C-alpha atoms as a PDB file:
ATOM      1  CA  MET A   1      -4.373 -23.598 -29.308  1.00  0.00           C
ATOM      2  CA  ARG A   2      -0.874 -22.340 -28.798  1.00  0.00           C
ATOM      3  CA  ASN A   3      -2.238 -18.930 -28.535  1.00  0.00           C
ATOM      4  CA  ASP A   4      -4.801 -19.664 -25.770  1.00  0.00           C
ATOM      5  CA  CYS A   5      -1.774 -21.433 -23.897  1.00  0.00           C
ATOM      6  CA  ALA A   6       0.334 -18.230 -24.100  1.00  0.00           C
ATOM      7  CA  VAL A   7      -2.751 -15.985 -23.005  1.00  0.00           C
ATOM      8  CA  LEU A   8      -3.247 -18.297 -19.907  1.00  0.00           C
ATOM      9  CA  LEU A   9       0.558 -18.524 -19.054  1.00  0.00           C
ATOM     10  CA  PHE A  10       0.866 -14.706 -19.417  1.00  0.00           C
ATOM     11  CA  CYS A  11      -2.045 -14.197 -16.963  1.00  0.00           C
ATOM     12  CA  VAL A  12      -0.333 -16.398 -14.396  1.00  0.00           C
ATOM     13  CA  LEU A  13       2.852 -14.847 -15.209  1.00  0.00           C
ATOM     14  CA  ALA A  14       1.514 -11.558 -14.665  1.00  0.00           C
ATOM     15  CA  LEU A  15       0.101 -12.599 -11.308  1.00  0.00           C
ATOM     16  CA  ALA A  16       3.302 -13.961 -10.191  1.00  0.00           C
ATOM     17  CA  PRO A  17       4.172 -10.469 -10.562  1.00  0.00           C
ATOM     18  CA  ALA A  18       6.601 -11.746  -9.894  1.00  0.00           C
ATOM     19  CA  PHE A  19       8.957 -14.151  -9.057  1.00  0.00           C
ATOM     20  CA  CYS A  20      11.314 -13.171  -6.328  1.00  0.00           C
ATOM     21  CA  SER A  21      14.535 -14.819  -6.461  1.00  0.00           C
ATOM     22  CA  GLN A  22      16.796 -15.643  -3.441  1.00  0.00           C
ATOM     23  CA  HIS A  23      19.450 -14.084  -5.391  1.00  0.00           C
ATOM     24  CA  VAL A  24      17.594 -10.578  -5.189  1.00  0.00           C
ATOM     25  CA  SER A  25      19.709  -7.686  -3.203  1.00  0.00           C
ATOM     26  CA  VAL A  26      18.323  -4.740  -2.162  1.00  0.00           C
ATOM     27  CA  ARG A  27      20.570  -1.686  -1.655  1.00  0.00           C
ATOM     28  CA  SER A  28      19.450   2.042  -1.578  1.00  0.00           C
ATOM     29  CA  ALA A  29      20.903   4.430  -4.290  1.00  0.00           C
ATOM     30  CA  PRO A  30      22.375   7.503  -3.162  1.00  0.00           C
ATOM     31  CA  GLY A  31      19.894  10.058  -2.126  1.00  0.00           C
ATOM     32  CA  PHE A  32      17.114   7.316  -1.170  1.00  0.00           C
ATOM     33  CA  SER A  33      15.857   8.067   2.191  1.00  0.00           C
ATOM     34  CA  ALA A  34      15.020   5.141   4.966  1.00  0.00           C
ATOM     35  CA  THR A  35      11.416   5.082   4.130  1.00  0.00           C
ATOM     36  CA  ASP A  36      12.427   4.483   0.273  1.00  0.00           C
ATOM     37  CA  ASP A  37      14.619   1.489   1.498  1.00  0.00           C
ATOM     38  CA  GLU A  38      11.655   0.178   3.255  1.00  0.00           C
ATOM     39  CA  THR A  39       9.372   0.891   0.684  1.00  0.00           C
ATOM     40  CA  ILE A  40      11.585  -1.114  -1.985  1.00  0.00           C
ATOM     41  CA  ARG A  41      11.945  -3.873   0.539  1.00  0.00           C
ATOM     42  CA  GLU A  42       8.087  -4.164   0.816  1.00  0.00           C
ATOM     43  CA  ILE A  43       7.770  -4.481  -2.961  1.00  0.00           C
ATOM     44  CA  VAL A  44      10.566  -6.979  -3.266  1.00  0.00           C
ATOM     45  CA  ASP A  45       8.527  -8.961  -0.451  1.00  0.00           C
ATOM     46  CA  LEU A  46       5.407  -8.696  -2.617  1.00  0.00           C
ATOM     47  CA  GLU A  47       7.223  -9.897  -5.644  1.00  0.00           C
ATOM     48  CA  ARG A  48       8.389 -12.785  -3.457  1.00  0.00           C
ATOM     49  CA  GLN A  49       4.678 -13.442  -2.387  1.00  0.00           C
ATOM     50  CA  THR A  50       3.641 -13.442  -5.882  1.00  0.00           C
ATOM     51  CA  LYS A  51       6.187 -16.138  -6.845  1.00  0.00           C
ATOM     52  CA  GLU A  52       4.913 -18.340  -4.146  1.00  0.00           C
ATOM     53  CA  ALA A  53       1.286 -17.620  -5.146  1.00  0.00           C
ATOM     54  CA  ILE A  54       1.897 -18.905  -8.773  1.00  0.00           C
ATOM     55  CA  LEU A  55       3.787 -21.704  -7.543  1.00  0.00           C
ATOM     56  CA  HIS A  56       0.962 -22.922  -5.003  1.00  0.00           C
ATOM     57  CA  ARG A  57      -1.903 -21.508  -7.500  1.00  0.00           C
ATOM     58  CA  ASP A  58      -3.279 -19.124  -5.010  1.00  0.00           C
ATOM     59  CA  ALA A  59      -5.983 -17.152  -6.660  1.00  0.00           C
ATOM     60  CA  ASP A  60      -6.901 -15.493  -3.363  1.00  0.00           C
ATOM     61  CA  PHE A  61      -3.523 -13.609  -3.557  1.00  0.00           C
ATOM     62  CA  SER A  62      -4.366 -12.385  -6.805  1.00  0.00           C
ATOM     63  CA  MET A  63      -7.839 -11.165  -5.906  1.00  0.00           C
ATOM     64  CA  ARG A  64      -5.926  -9.031  -2.869  1.00  0.00           C
ATOM     65  CA  THR A  65      -3.288  -7.647  -4.801  1.00  0.00           C
ATOM     66  CA  LEU A  66      -4.447  -6.970  -8.320  1.00  0.00           C
ATOM     67  CA  ALA A  67      -6.220  -3.733  -8.719  1.00  0.00           C
ATOM     68  CA  ASP A  68      -9.637  -3.610 -10.152  1.00  0.00           C
ATOM     69  CA  ASP A  69      -8.517  -1.819 -13.300  1.00  0.00           C
ATOM     70  CA  TYR A  70      -5.438  -3.963 -13.919  1.00  0.00           C
ATOM     71  CA  VAL A  71      -4.559  -4.407 -17.164  1.00  0.00           C
ATOM     72  CA  ALA A  72      -1.502  -6.717 -18.682  1.00  0.00           C
ATOM     73  CA  ILE A  73      -0.267  -7.065 -21.806  1.00  0.00           C
ATOM     74  CA  THR A  74       0.903 -10.856 -22.886  1.00  0.00           C
ATOM     75  CA  PRO A  75       4.104 -11.741 -24.710  1.00  0.00           C
ATOM     76  CA  LEU A  76       1.878 -12.000 -28.053  1.00  0.00           C
ATOM     77  CA  GLY A  77       0.476  -8.651 -27.398  1.00  0.00           C
ATOM     78  CA  GLN A  78      -3.016  -9.373 -26.035  1.00  0.00           C
ATOM     79  CA  VAL A  79      -4.689  -7.422 -23.208  1.00  0.00           C
ATOM     80  CA  THR A  80      -5.874  -9.265 -20.263  1.00  0.00           C
ATOM     81  CA  THR A  81      -7.883  -7.958 -17.061  1.00  0.00           C
ATOM     82  CA  LYS A  82      -8.031  -8.964 -13.392  1.00  0.00           C
ATOM     83  CA  ARG A  83     -10.877 -11.298 -14.036  1.00  0.00           C
ATOM     84  CA  ASP A  84      -9.060 -13.132 -16.967  1.00  0.00           C
ATOM     85  CA  ALA A  85      -5.888 -13.331 -14.388  1.00  0.00           C
ATOM     86  CA  ILE A  86      -7.724 -14.865 -11.686  1.00  0.00           C
ATOM     87  CA  SER A  87      -9.738 -17.309 -14.072  1.00  0.00           C
ATOM     88  CA  ALA A  88      -6.542 -18.260 -15.341  1.00  0.00           C
ATOM     89  CA  ARG A  89      -5.182 -18.954 -11.815  1.00  0.00           C
ATOM     90  CA  ARG A  90      -8.309 -20.942 -10.742  1.00  0.00           C
ATOM     91  CA  SER A  91      -8.497 -23.349 -13.786  1.00  0.00           C
ATOM     92  CA  GLY A  92      -5.476 -25.417 -12.470  1.00  0.00           C
ATOM     93  CA  GLN A  93      -4.513 -26.054 -16.199  1.00  0.00           C
ATOM     94  CA  LEU A  94      -1.199 -24.316 -15.575  1.00  0.00           C
ATOM     95  CA  ARG A  95       1.418 -25.911 -13.439  1.00  0.00           C
ATOM     96  CA  TYR A  96       4.795 -24.272 -12.468  1.00  0.00           C
ATOM     97  CA  GLU A  97       7.622 -26.364 -11.360  1.00  0.00           C
ATOM     98  CA  SER A  98      10.109 -23.272 -10.606  1.00  0.00           C
ATOM     99  CA  VAL A  99      10.575 -19.684 -11.144  1.00  0.00           C
ATOM    100  CA  ASN A 100      13.824 -18.085 -10.674  1.00  0.00           C
ATOM    101  CA  VAL A 101      13.984 -14.226 -10.647  1.00  0.00           C
ATOM    102  CA  THR A 102      17.122 -12.141 -11.381  1.00  0.00           C
ATOM    103  CA  GLU A 103      18.179  -8.441 -12.343  1.00  0.00           C
ATOM    104  CA  MET A 104      15.154  -7.179 -10.314  1.00  0.00           C
ATOM    105  CA  VAL A 105      15.265  -3.442 -10.075  1.00  0.00           C
ATOM    106  CA  VAL A 106      12.567  -1.224  -8.160  1.00  0.00           C
ATOM    107  CA  ARG A 107      12.228   2.313  -8.932  1.00  0.00           C
ATOM    108  CA  LEU A 108       9.851   4.454  -6.640  1.00  0.00           C
ATOM    109  CA  TYR A 109       7.831   7.535  -7.986  1.00  0.00           C
ATOM    110  CA  GLY A 110       5.833   8.585  -5.015  1.00  0.00           C
ATOM    111  CA  ASP A 111       3.155   5.997  -4.539  1.00  0.00           C
ATOM    112  CA  THR A 112       4.214   4.116  -7.750  1.00  0.00           C
ATOM    113  CA  ALA A 113       6.637   1.375  -8.000  1.00  0.00           C
ATOM    114  CA  VAL A 114       7.952  -0.023 -11.238  1.00  0.00           C
ATOM    115  CA  VAL A 115       9.579  -3.391 -11.067  1.00  0.00           C
ATOM    116  CA  THR A 116      11.710  -4.884 -13.684  1.00  0.00           C
ATOM    117  CA  ALA A 117      13.342  -8.246 -13.593  1.00  0.00           C
ATOM    118  CA  ARG A 118      14.131 -11.487 -15.578  1.00  0.00           C
ATOM    119  CA  ALA A 119      12.361 -14.723 -14.881  1.00  0.00           C
ATOM    120  CA  GLU A 120      13.631 -18.390 -15.745  1.00  0.00           C
ATOM    121  CA  VAL A 121      10.332 -20.228 -15.824  1.00  0.00           C
ATOM    122  CA  LYS A 122       9.795 -24.002 -15.852  1.00  0.00           C
ATOM    123  CA  GLY A 123       6.177 -25.167 -16.063  1.00  0.00           C
ATOM    124  CA  HIS A 124       3.396 -26.871 -18.472  1.00  0.00           C
ATOM    125  CA  GLN A 125      -0.182 -25.673 -19.561  1.00  0.00           C
ATOM    126  CA  LEU A 126      -2.357 -28.469 -20.923  1.00  0.00           C
ATOM    127  CA  GLY A 127       0.554 -30.628 -21.341  1.00  0.00           C
ATOM    128  CA  GLU A 128       2.367 -28.122 -23.267  1.00  0.00           C
ATOM    129  CA  ASP A 129       5.961 -26.788 -22.155  1.00  0.00           C
ATOM    130  CA  PHE A 130       6.257 -23.005 -21.679  1.00  0.00           C
ATOM    131  CA  SER A 131       9.566 -22.961 -20.107  1.00  0.00           C
ATOM    132  CA  GLY A 132      11.959 -20.304 -21.033  1.00  0.00           C
ATOM    133  CA  PRO A 133      13.540 -17.013 -20.072  1.00  0.00           C
ATOM    134  CA  TYR A 134      11.125 -13.803 -19.789  1.00  0.00           C
ATOM    135  CA  ARG A 135      11.659 -10.217 -18.852  1.00  0.00           C
ATOM    136  CA  TYR A 136       8.949  -8.395 -17.241  1.00  0.00           C
ATOM    137  CA  THR A 137       7.820  -4.949 -15.915  1.00  0.00           C
ATOM    138  CA  ARG A 138       5.083  -4.826 -13.245  1.00  0.00           C
ATOM    139  CA  ILE A 139       3.804  -1.565 -11.745  1.00  0.00           C
ATOM    140  CA  TRP A 140       2.574  -1.275  -8.132  1.00  0.00           C
ATOM    141  CA  ALA A 141       0.340   1.806  -6.967  1.00  0.00           C
ATOM    142  CA  ARG A 142      -0.305   2.324  -3.187  1.00  0.00           C
ATOM    143  CA  ARG A 143      -4.070   2.812  -2.826  1.00  0.00           C
ATOM    144  CA  ASN A 144      -5.743   3.544   0.530  1.00  0.00           C
ATOM    145  CA  GLY A 145      -2.238   2.353   2.267  1.00  0.00           C
ATOM    146  CA  HIS A 146      -2.156  -1.133   0.189  1.00  0.00           C
ATOM    147  CA  TRP A 147       0.027  -1.767  -2.800  1.00  0.00           C
ATOM    148  CA  GLN A 148      -1.822  -3.289  -5.784  1.00  0.00           C
ATOM    149  CA  THR A 149      -0.565  -4.227  -9.200  1.00  0.00           C
ATOM    150  CA  VAL A 150      -2.073  -1.883 -11.837  1.00  0.00           C
ATOM    151  CA  SER A 151      -0.264  -2.937 -14.888  1.00  0.00           C
ATOM    152  CA  TYR A 152       2.069  -5.872 -16.159  1.00  0.00           C
ATOM    153  CA  GLN A 153       3.781  -6.696 -19.442  1.00  0.00           C
ATOM    154  CA  ALA A 154       6.166  -9.707 -20.325  1.00  0.00           C
ATOM    155  CA  THR A 155       8.207 -10.391 -23.463  1.00  0.00           C
ATOM    156  CA  VAL A 156       9.974 -13.979 -24.154  1.00  0.00           C
ATOM    157  CA  THR A 157      13.608 -13.635 -24.219  1.00  0.00           C
ATOM    158  CA  GLN A 158      16.440 -15.551 -25.616  1.00  0.00           C
END
């Protein structure tokens, strides 16, 4: 049961891509163009929207933003797909009280954005507490003019 809870938790965290915090600051590194700065702000906003989607259990957001070939790796090393993630979101078994993201970094590589961050999560799944600190990496790819999450990996931290 514990492993099933962790898989479901991970699926939702993965969709939360992320959990954008009010404490995230966006600054351009030397050599970044105005276009890069705008793209970083767009990714940070998608991370904020992801956070809101998990807090409100919005599966439609995941349908729009997860790539069909999306793959995620749970903190237990299990592989999940877009279908798994959406099913976990729709089940309603997962409840988030809060998600606070810090130390977010967005790096751009053409039409790919790599996000790394810390997330302090409070929530329950099937009555079991899964609150705690996590670090995650989410990879966004721009396809046909739209950003989609193509990969996600989370790790429980101390």
